[in-house]
Amino acid sequence: MFDVALSSAGAHIALATSSDDKHPPENIIDGNSETFWSTTGMFPQEVVIRFQTLMKITNIHVLSYNIKKLRLEASENEDYSKYDTIAEKKFDETDSQLQQEEIQIGEKTAMCLRLVVESGYDHFICINKVVVSGQAVH
């Protein structure tokens, strides 16, 4: 298993509901926990990570600030309109400290992973890094 969501592994951002030139959504898959994607305020906010090929994924690690509720959805094909919810997580308030959440999802196959931030502890949230443990489906 390795991080299949790294841009260096061929993953890319297929969609994001907000973008800031200084903190674009691509920062969450660059492998650097010092860079981040910041949202523009309203909820829900979402970002879609598209993998290089169909992947079997087992867990997702999210480094973030101010997320209250996150829903994870997967799609097994390139049709961005058909997703299945694979996990929902309420994050603890960390009083401006980095949130580190590991979400076990069993074994799911996915071509795309959608992260939907349903609510936050502030008007703005940021995601520093998303690590998706998995491997290519053969």
N, C-alpha and C. Protein backbone atom coordinates (compact mmCIF):
# COMPACT_ATOMS: atom_id res chain seq x y z
N MET A 1 0.84 -1.19 0.00
CA MET A 1 0.00 0.00 0.00
C MET A 1 0.88 1.25 0.00
N PHE A 2 0.47 2.24 -0.77
CA PHE A 2 1.17 3.51 -0.78
C PHE A 2 0.16 4.63 -0.98
N ASP A 3 0.61 5.88 -0.90
CA ASP A 3 -0.29 7.02 -1.05
C ASP A 3 -0.63 7.21 -2.52
N VAL A 4 -1.83 6.75 -2.90
CA VAL A 4 -2.25 6.81 -4.30
C VAL A 4 -2.79 8.19 -4.68
N ALA A 5 -2.90 9.11 -3.70
CA ALA A 5 -3.42 10.44 -3.97
C ALA A 5 -2.33 11.48 -4.21
N LEU A 6 -1.09 11.07 -4.28
CA LEU A 6 -0.02 12.02 -4.56
C LEU A 6 -0.03 12.45 -6.02
N SER A 7 0.21 13.73 -6.25
CA SER A 7 0.30 14.19 -7.64
C SER A 7 1.48 13.50 -8.34
N SER A 8 2.54 13.20 -7.62
CA SER A 8 3.69 12.51 -8.21
C SER A 8 3.36 11.05 -8.58
N ALA A 9 2.23 10.51 -8.05
CA ALA A 9 1.78 9.16 -8.39
C ALA A 9 0.73 9.21 -9.51
N GLY A 10 0.49 10.40 -10.07
CA GLY A 10 -0.44 10.54 -11.18
C GLY A 10 -1.83 11.04 -10.80
N ALA A 11 -2.10 11.25 -9.52
CA ALA A 11 -3.40 11.79 -9.11
C ALA A 11 -3.48 13.27 -9.45
N HIS A 12 -4.70 13.75 -9.65
CA HIS A 12 -4.88 15.18 -9.87
C HIS A 12 -6.23 15.62 -9.32
N ILE A 13 -6.38 16.93 -9.16
CA ILE A 13 -7.63 17.51 -8.69
C ILE A 13 -8.55 17.67 -9.89
N ALA A 14 -9.69 16.97 -9.86
CA ALA A 14 -10.64 17.04 -10.97
C ALA A 14 -11.63 18.17 -10.79
N LEU A 15 -11.90 18.56 -9.52
CA LEU A 15 -12.88 19.60 -9.24
C LEU A 15 -12.66 20.13 -7.83
N ALA A 16 -12.88 21.41 -7.65
CA ALA A 16 -12.89 22.02 -6.32
C ALA A 16 -13.90 23.16 -6.35
N THR A 17 -14.63 23.33 -5.25
CA THR A 17 -15.67 24.35 -5.21
C THR A 17 -15.13 25.74 -4.93
N SER A 18 -13.89 25.81 -4.47
CA SER A 18 -13.29 27.13 -4.27
C SER A 18 -11.79 27.02 -4.51
N SER A 19 -11.20 28.16 -4.82
CA SER A 19 -9.77 28.16 -5.08
C SER A 19 -9.20 29.54 -4.79
N ASP A 20 -8.06 29.55 -4.20
CA ASP A 20 -7.32 30.77 -3.91
C ASP A 20 -5.97 30.61 -4.61
N ASP A 21 -5.54 31.63 -5.34
CA ASP A 21 -4.28 31.53 -6.09
C ASP A 21 -3.10 31.15 -5.20
N LYS A 22 -3.10 31.62 -3.97
CA LYS A 22 -1.98 31.33 -3.06
C LYS A 22 -2.11 29.97 -2.39
N HIS A 23 -3.34 29.44 -2.31
CA HIS A 23 -3.59 28.17 -1.62
C HIS A 23 -4.55 27.30 -2.43
N PRO A 24 -4.10 26.83 -3.62
CA PRO A 24 -4.97 26.07 -4.51
C PRO A 24 -5.23 24.65 -4.00
N PRO A 25 -6.28 24.00 -4.50
CA PRO A 25 -6.61 22.65 -4.04
C PRO A 25 -5.51 21.63 -4.35
N GLU A 26 -4.70 21.87 -5.36
CA GLU A 26 -3.61 20.95 -5.70
C GLU A 26 -2.63 20.76 -4.54
N ASN A 27 -2.62 21.72 -3.60
CA ASN A 27 -1.72 21.61 -2.45
C ASN A 27 -2.01 20.40 -1.57
N ILE A 28 -3.24 19.89 -1.57
CA ILE A 28 -3.55 18.78 -0.68
C ILE A 28 -2.95 17.46 -1.15
N ILE A 29 -2.50 17.39 -2.41
CA ILE A 29 -1.92 16.15 -2.92
C ILE A 29 -0.45 16.32 -3.33
N ASP A 30 0.19 17.40 -2.88
CA ASP A 30 1.58 17.63 -3.26
C ASP A 30 2.58 16.93 -2.33
N GLY A 31 2.08 16.27 -1.27
CA GLY A 31 2.96 15.56 -0.34
C GLY A 31 3.57 16.42 0.74
N ASN A 32 3.29 17.72 0.73
CA ASN A 32 3.86 18.65 1.69
C ASN A 32 2.78 19.10 2.68
N SER A 33 2.95 18.79 3.95
CA SER A 33 1.93 19.17 4.94
C SER A 33 2.00 20.65 5.32
N GLU A 34 2.97 21.38 4.80
CA GLU A 34 3.08 22.82 5.07
C GLU A 34 2.22 23.64 4.09
N THR A 35 1.91 23.08 2.94
CA THR A 35 1.03 23.78 1.98
C THR A 35 -0.41 23.36 2.26
N PHE A 36 -1.38 24.11 1.75
CA PHE A 36 -2.78 23.78 2.04
C PHE A 36 -3.72 24.38 1.01
N TRP A 37 -4.95 23.85 1.02
CA TRP A 37 -6.07 24.38 0.25
C TRP A 37 -6.97 25.10 1.24
N SER A 38 -7.27 26.35 0.97
CA SER A 38 -8.19 27.08 1.84
C SER A 38 -9.49 27.34 1.08
N THR A 39 -10.60 27.25 1.82
CA THR A 39 -11.89 27.49 1.21
C THR A 39 -12.29 28.94 1.36
N THR A 40 -13.33 29.31 0.65
CA THR A 40 -13.76 30.71 0.62
C THR A 40 -14.96 31.01 1.51
N GLY A 41 -15.30 30.10 2.42
CA GLY A 41 -16.30 30.47 3.41
C GLY A 41 -17.58 29.71 3.50
N MET A 42 -18.32 29.54 2.44
CA MET A 42 -19.63 28.89 2.53
C MET A 42 -19.47 27.37 2.61
N PHE A 43 -20.50 26.71 3.10
CA PHE A 43 -20.50 25.25 3.16
C PHE A 43 -21.75 24.73 2.45
N PRO A 44 -21.68 23.57 1.85
CA PRO A 44 -20.55 22.65 1.82
C PRO A 44 -19.48 23.09 0.81
N GLN A 45 -18.29 22.57 1.02
CA GLN A 45 -17.16 22.74 0.10
C GLN A 45 -16.72 21.34 -0.31
N GLU A 46 -16.27 21.18 -1.52
CA GLU A 46 -15.82 19.85 -1.92
C GLU A 46 -14.63 19.91 -2.86
N VAL A 47 -13.91 18.81 -2.84
CA VAL A 47 -12.77 18.63 -3.74
C VAL A 47 -12.79 17.17 -4.19
N VAL A 48 -12.50 16.96 -5.48
CA VAL A 48 -12.46 15.62 -6.05
C VAL A 48 -11.04 15.31 -6.48
N ILE A 49 -10.52 14.20 -5.95
CA ILE A 49 -9.21 13.69 -6.34
C ILE A 49 -9.44 12.55 -7.31
N ARG A 50 -8.83 12.65 -8.49
CA ARG A 50 -8.94 11.58 -9.49
C ARG A 50 -7.62 10.84 -9.52
N PHE A 51 -7.69 9.52 -9.36
CA PHE A 51 -6.49 8.68 -9.37
C PHE A 51 -6.08 8.36 -10.79
N GLN A 52 -4.85 7.91 -10.95
CA GLN A 52 -4.34 7.59 -12.28
C GLN A 52 -5.08 6.40 -12.90
N THR A 53 -5.51 5.47 -12.06
CA THR A 53 -6.23 4.29 -12.50
C THR A 53 -7.17 3.85 -11.38
N LEU A 54 -7.95 2.81 -11.60
CA LEU A 54 -8.83 2.29 -10.56
C LEU A 54 -7.98 1.78 -9.40
N MET A 55 -8.30 2.24 -8.19
CA MET A 55 -7.51 1.89 -7.00
C MET A 55 -8.36 1.16 -5.98
N LYS A 56 -7.71 0.29 -5.23
CA LYS A 56 -8.31 -0.34 -4.06
C LYS A 56 -7.76 0.44 -2.86
N ILE A 57 -8.65 1.15 -2.14
CA ILE A 57 -8.20 2.00 -1.04
C ILE A 57 -8.70 1.45 0.30
N THR A 58 -7.91 1.68 1.36
CA THR A 58 -8.25 1.12 2.67
C THR A 58 -8.43 2.16 3.77
N ASN A 59 -7.68 3.23 3.72
CA ASN A 59 -7.88 4.29 4.71
C ASN A 59 -7.42 5.63 4.16
N ILE A 60 -7.93 6.69 4.79
CA ILE A 60 -7.66 8.05 4.36
C ILE A 60 -7.25 8.86 5.58
N HIS A 61 -6.12 9.53 5.48
CA HIS A 61 -5.60 10.36 6.57
C HIS A 61 -5.73 11.82 6.12
N VAL A 62 -6.38 12.64 6.95
CA VAL A 62 -6.63 14.04 6.60
C VAL A 62 -5.97 14.94 7.64
N LEU A 63 -5.14 15.87 7.18
CA LEU A 63 -4.56 16.91 8.03
C LEU A 63 -5.28 18.20 7.69
N SER A 64 -5.87 18.87 8.69
CA SER A 64 -6.72 20.02 8.39
C SER A 64 -6.84 20.96 9.58
N TYR A 65 -7.54 22.07 9.33
CA TYR A 65 -7.91 23.03 10.37
C TYR A 65 -9.39 23.36 10.23
N ASN A 66 -10.09 23.36 11.35
CA ASN A 66 -11.47 23.86 11.48
C ASN A 66 -12.56 23.05 10.79
N ILE A 67 -12.27 21.82 10.37
CA ILE A 67 -13.34 20.99 9.81
C ILE A 67 -14.19 20.46 10.96
N LYS A 68 -15.50 20.55 10.80
CA LYS A 68 -16.43 20.00 11.79
C LYS A 68 -16.97 18.64 11.31
N LYS A 69 -17.48 18.59 10.07
CA LYS A 69 -18.04 17.34 9.55
C LYS A 69 -17.57 17.14 8.12
N LEU A 70 -17.07 15.92 7.85
CA LEU A 70 -16.54 15.56 6.54
C LEU A 70 -17.22 14.28 6.06
N ARG A 71 -17.61 14.28 4.78
CA ARG A 71 -18.16 13.08 4.16
C ARG A 71 -17.22 12.67 3.02
N LEU A 72 -16.91 11.39 2.94
CA LEU A 72 -16.06 10.86 1.88
C LEU A 72 -16.92 10.02 0.95
N GLU A 73 -16.75 10.24 -0.35
CA GLU A 73 -17.51 9.53 -1.36
C GLU A 73 -16.55 9.01 -2.43
N ALA A 74 -16.89 7.85 -2.99
CA ALA A 74 -16.04 7.24 -4.02
C ALA A 74 -16.85 6.96 -5.27
N SER A 75 -16.17 7.06 -6.40
CA SER A 75 -16.75 6.69 -7.69
C SER A 75 -15.80 5.71 -8.36
N GLU A 76 -16.36 4.65 -8.91
CA GLU A 76 -15.53 3.64 -9.55
C GLU A 76 -15.28 3.92 -11.03
N ASN A 77 -15.90 4.98 -11.56
CA ASN A 77 -15.69 5.30 -12.96
C ASN A 77 -15.48 6.80 -13.13
N GLU A 78 -15.37 7.21 -14.36
CA GLU A 78 -15.09 8.61 -14.64
C GLU A 78 -16.35 9.47 -14.73
N ASP A 79 -17.50 8.89 -14.40
CA ASP A 79 -18.75 9.64 -14.39
C ASP A 79 -18.85 10.36 -13.05
N TYR A 80 -18.56 11.64 -13.08
CA TYR A 80 -18.48 12.42 -11.83
C TYR A 80 -19.83 12.63 -11.15
N SER A 81 -20.90 12.08 -11.71
CA SER A 81 -22.21 12.28 -11.09
C SER A 81 -22.64 11.11 -10.21
N LYS A 82 -21.91 10.01 -10.22
CA LYS A 82 -22.30 8.81 -9.46
C LYS A 82 -21.26 8.49 -8.39
N TYR A 83 -21.61 8.85 -7.16
CA TYR A 83 -20.72 8.59 -6.02
C TYR A 83 -21.48 7.83 -4.94
N ASP A 84 -20.75 7.01 -4.20
CA ASP A 84 -21.29 6.32 -3.04
C ASP A 84 -20.58 6.85 -1.80
N THR A 85 -21.35 7.12 -0.75
CA THR A 85 -20.74 7.55 0.51
C THR A 85 -20.00 6.36 1.12
N ILE A 86 -18.72 6.56 1.46
CA ILE A 86 -17.93 5.48 2.05
C ILE A 86 -17.60 5.76 3.52
N ALA A 87 -17.73 7.01 3.96
CA ALA A 87 -17.47 7.34 5.37
C ALA A 87 -17.97 8.74 5.67
N GLU A 88 -18.35 8.95 6.94
CA GLU A 88 -18.68 10.28 7.45
C GLU A 88 -17.96 10.42 8.77
N LYS A 89 -17.41 11.58 9.02
CA LYS A 89 -16.61 11.77 10.23
C LYS A 89 -16.86 13.16 10.81
N LYS A 90 -17.12 13.19 12.11
CA LYS A 90 -17.20 14.46 12.82
C LYS A 90 -15.85 14.67 13.49
N PHE A 91 -15.22 15.79 13.21
CA PHE A 91 -13.91 16.10 13.77
C PHE A 91 -14.07 16.84 15.09
N ASP A 92 -13.16 16.59 16.01
CA ASP A 92 -13.15 17.33 17.27
C ASP A 92 -12.61 18.73 17.03
N GLU A 93 -13.13 19.69 17.78
CA GLU A 93 -12.59 21.04 17.73
C GLU A 93 -11.23 21.03 18.40
N THR A 94 -10.23 21.60 17.75
CA THR A 94 -8.86 21.52 18.26
C THR A 94 -8.29 22.88 18.65
N ASP A 95 -9.16 23.90 18.73
CA ASP A 95 -8.72 25.22 19.16
C ASP A 95 -7.50 25.70 18.39
N SER A 96 -7.65 25.75 17.07
CA SER A 96 -6.62 26.24 16.14
C SER A 96 -5.37 25.36 16.07
N GLN A 97 -5.50 24.11 16.49
CA GLN A 97 -4.41 23.15 16.34
C GLN A 97 -4.72 22.28 15.12
N LEU A 98 -3.68 21.69 14.56
CA LEU A 98 -3.84 20.83 13.39
C LEU A 98 -4.70 19.61 13.74
N GLN A 99 -5.72 19.36 12.92
CA GLN A 99 -6.54 18.16 13.07
C GLN A 99 -5.88 17.04 12.28
N GLN A 100 -5.72 15.89 12.91
CA GLN A 100 -5.15 14.72 12.24
C GLN A 100 -6.12 13.57 12.42
N GLU A 101 -6.82 13.22 11.35
CA GLU A 101 -7.84 12.18 11.41
C GLU A 101 -7.50 11.06 10.43
N GLU A 102 -7.51 9.84 10.92
CA GLU A 102 -7.35 8.68 10.05
C GLU A 102 -8.69 7.97 9.99
N ILE A 103 -9.19 7.78 8.79
CA ILE A 103 -10.52 7.21 8.59
C ILE A 103 -10.36 5.86 7.90
N GLN A 104 -10.71 4.80 8.62
CA GLN A 104 -10.66 3.44 8.08
C GLN A 104 -11.92 3.22 7.24
N ILE A 105 -11.75 2.71 6.03
CA ILE A 105 -12.92 2.50 5.17
C ILE A 105 -13.05 1.06 4.70
N GLY A 106 -12.29 0.16 5.28
CA GLY A 106 -12.33 -1.22 4.82
C GLY A 106 -11.56 -1.31 3.52
N GLU A 107 -12.17 -1.92 2.51
CA GLU A 107 -11.55 -1.99 1.18
C GLU A 107 -12.57 -1.55 0.16
N LYS A 108 -12.30 -0.43 -0.47
CA LYS A 108 -13.20 0.12 -1.49
C LYS A 108 -12.41 0.35 -2.77
N THR A 109 -13.07 0.19 -3.90
CA THR A 109 -12.43 0.54 -5.16
C THR A 109 -12.91 1.92 -5.59
N ALA A 110 -11.99 2.68 -6.14
CA ALA A 110 -12.33 4.05 -6.53
C ALA A 110 -11.43 4.53 -7.65
N MET A 111 -12.04 5.28 -8.56
CA MET A 111 -11.31 6.03 -9.58
C MET A 111 -11.18 7.48 -9.13
N CYS A 112 -12.22 7.93 -8.37
CA CYS A 112 -12.25 9.29 -7.84
C CYS A 112 -12.69 9.26 -6.39
N LEU A 113 -12.14 10.16 -5.61
CA LEU A 113 -12.52 10.33 -4.22
C LEU A 113 -12.99 11.76 -4.03
N ARG A 114 -14.22 11.92 -3.50
CA ARG A 114 -14.75 13.25 -3.25
C ARG A 114 -14.78 13.49 -1.74
N LEU A 115 -14.17 14.59 -1.32
CA LEU A 115 -14.22 15.02 0.08
C LEU A 115 -15.20 16.17 0.15
N VAL A 116 -16.26 16.00 0.95
CA VAL A 116 -17.28 17.02 1.10
C VAL A 116 -17.21 17.54 2.53
N VAL A 117 -16.78 18.79 2.68
CA VAL A 117 -16.76 19.42 4.00
C VAL A 117 -18.15 20.01 4.21
N GLU A 118 -18.93 19.37 5.06
CA GLU A 118 -20.31 19.79 5.28
C GLU A 118 -20.42 20.98 6.21
N SER A 119 -19.49 21.08 7.17
CA SER A 119 -19.51 22.21 8.11
C SER A 119 -18.14 22.39 8.72
N GLY A 120 -17.94 23.56 9.32
CA GLY A 120 -16.67 23.88 9.95
C GLY A 120 -16.87 24.59 11.27
N TYR A 121 -15.80 24.69 12.03
CA TYR A 121 -15.83 25.42 13.30
C TYR A 121 -15.60 26.91 13.09
N ASP A 122 -15.31 27.31 11.85
CA ASP A 122 -15.10 28.70 11.49
C ASP A 122 -15.67 28.87 10.08
N HIS A 123 -15.69 30.08 9.58
CA HIS A 123 -16.18 30.33 8.22
C HIS A 123 -15.25 29.74 7.18
N PHE A 124 -13.97 29.65 7.51
CA PHE A 124 -12.97 29.15 6.59
C PHE A 124 -12.34 27.90 7.17
N ILE A 125 -12.07 26.93 6.30
CA ILE A 125 -11.33 25.74 6.72
C ILE A 125 -10.15 25.60 5.76
N CYS A 126 -9.21 24.76 6.15
CA CYS A 126 -8.16 24.41 5.19
C CYS A 126 -7.80 22.95 5.37
N ILE A 127 -7.41 22.35 4.27
CA ILE A 127 -6.91 20.98 4.27
C ILE A 127 -5.46 21.05 3.82
N ASN A 128 -4.58 20.57 4.68
CA ASN A 128 -3.16 20.60 4.38
C ASN A 128 -2.71 19.41 3.54
N LYS A 129 -3.27 18.24 3.86
CA LYS A 129 -2.79 17.04 3.19
C LYS A 129 -3.84 15.94 3.28
N VAL A 130 -3.98 15.19 2.20
CA VAL A 130 -4.82 14.00 2.17
C VAL A 130 -3.94 12.84 1.72
N VAL A 131 -3.86 11.81 2.56
CA VAL A 131 -3.09 10.60 2.23
C VAL A 131 -4.10 9.48 2.06
N VAL A 132 -4.09 8.84 0.89
CA VAL A 132 -5.02 7.74 0.61
C VAL A 132 -4.17 6.47 0.43
N SER A 133 -4.29 5.56 1.39
CA SER A 133 -3.54 4.31 1.31
C SER A 133 -4.25 3.35 0.38
N GLY A 134 -3.51 2.83 -0.59
CA GLY A 134 -4.14 1.92 -1.54
C GLY A 134 -3.14 1.36 -2.53
N GLN A 135 -3.71 0.68 -3.52
CA GLN A 135 -2.90 0.12 -4.60
C GLN A 135 -3.77 -0.03 -5.83
N ALA A 136 -3.13 -0.12 -6.97
CA ALA A 136 -3.85 -0.26 -8.23
C ALA A 136 -4.57 -1.60 -8.29
N VAL A 137 -5.77 -1.60 -8.87
CA VAL A 137 -6.52 -2.83 -9.10
C VAL A 137 -5.99 -3.44 -10.39
N HIS A 138 -5.64 -4.70 -10.32
CA HIS A 138 -5.07 -5.36 -11.53
C HIS A 138 -6.12 -6.17 -12.23
